[in-house]
Amino acid sequence: MGFTIAHEWLHQDQLGRFLLGLHTLEILHLEKIYPLLNGLGLVGLLITGVSMIGLFRIHSLRIICYIKSRQN
């Protein structure tokens, strides 16, 4: 989005190229490990999602047990 704003609206081609290079990690010469960084990010998201699902189930079971104990 920053590239589009810099390039189309502000007519700043150099700034647009800089932002695109920064986004693709070309500025830091890390473009070769970019897929690895994306993979690590995906693994992190999966671990976070699985842990959240597990916590939700445990929490909901506690609520159900609490409600049943109050009914007796």
Protein backbone atom coordinates (compact mmCIF):
# COMPACT_ATOMS: atom_id res chain seq x y z
CA MET A 1 0.00 0.00 0.00
CA GLY A 2 2.90 2.32 0.79
CA PHE A 3 4.38 1.65 -2.64
CA THR A 4 1.13 2.60 -4.34
CA ILE A 5 0.77 5.79 -2.33
CA ALA A 6 4.38 6.84 -2.95
CA HIS A 7 4.37 5.87 -6.61
CA GLU A 8 0.90 6.85 -7.83
CA TRP A 9 -0.26 9.63 -5.52
CA LEU A 10 2.97 11.34 -4.51
CA HIS A 11 4.91 10.56 -7.72
CA GLN A 12 7.94 9.57 -5.66
CA ASP A 13 9.42 6.68 -7.61
CA GLN A 14 12.58 6.43 -5.49
CA LEU A 15 10.59 6.27 -2.26
CA GLY A 16 8.31 3.66 -3.81
CA ARG A 17 11.27 1.51 -4.87
CA PHE A 18 12.79 1.87 -1.39
CA LEU A 19 9.57 0.78 0.32
CA LEU A 20 9.21 -2.18 -2.02
CA GLY A 21 12.84 -3.18 -1.44
CA LEU A 22 12.34 -2.90 2.31
CA HIS A 23 9.17 -5.00 2.15
CA THR A 24 10.89 -7.78 0.20
CA LEU A 25 13.99 -7.54 2.45
CA GLU A 26 16.06 -6.73 -0.63
CA ILE A 27 17.55 -3.75 1.25
CA LEU A 28 19.00 -6.06 3.91
CA HIS A 29 20.06 -8.67 1.32
CA LEU A 30 17.85 -11.27 2.98
CA GLU A 31 15.67 -12.08 -0.04
CA LYS A 32 17.14 -15.59 -0.20
CA ILE A 33 15.91 -16.52 3.28
CA TYR A 34 12.54 -14.78 2.87
CA PRO A 35 10.70 -18.10 2.31
CA LEU A 36 12.28 -19.46 5.50
CA LEU A 37 11.08 -16.44 7.47
CA ASN A 38 7.59 -16.88 6.02
CA GLY A 39 7.66 -20.55 7.02
CA LEU A 40 8.71 -19.72 10.57
CA GLY A 41 5.90 -17.19 10.78
CA LEU A 42 3.41 -19.79 9.58
CA VAL A 43 4.62 -22.30 12.17
CA GLY A 44 4.28 -19.65 14.86
CA LEU A 45 0.71 -18.89 13.78
CA LEU A 46 -0.19 -22.57 13.77
CA ILE A 47 1.23 -23.12 17.26
CA THR A 48 -0.60 -20.07 18.55
CA GLY A 49 -3.87 -21.19 16.96
CA VAL A 50 -3.63 -24.71 18.34
CA SER A 51 -2.86 -23.44 21.82
CA MET A 52 -5.79 -21.04 21.69
CA ILE A 53 -8.16 -23.82 20.65
CA GLY A 54 -6.91 -25.98 23.50
CA LEU A 55 -7.33 -23.20 26.04
CA PHE A 56 -10.82 -22.47 24.77
CA ARG A 57 -11.88 -26.10 25.21
CA ILE A 58 -10.49 -26.31 28.74
CA HIS A 59 -12.17 -23.04 29.69
CA SER A 60 -15.53 -24.08 28.23
CA LEU A 61 -15.36 -27.44 30.06
CA ARG A 62 -14.76 -25.61 33.33
CA ILE A 63 -17.79 -23.41 32.71
CA ILE A 64 -19.98 -26.45 31.91
CA CYS A 65 -18.82 -28.24 35.08
CA TYR A 66 -19.45 -25.11 37.13
CA ILE A 67 -22.98 -24.73 35.75
CA LYS A 68 -23.79 -28.41 36.39
CA SER A 69 -22.48 -28.20 39.96
CA ARG A 70 -24.66 -25.15 40.63
CA GLN A 71 -27.78 -26.96 39.35
CA ASN A 72 -27.40 -29.86 41.84
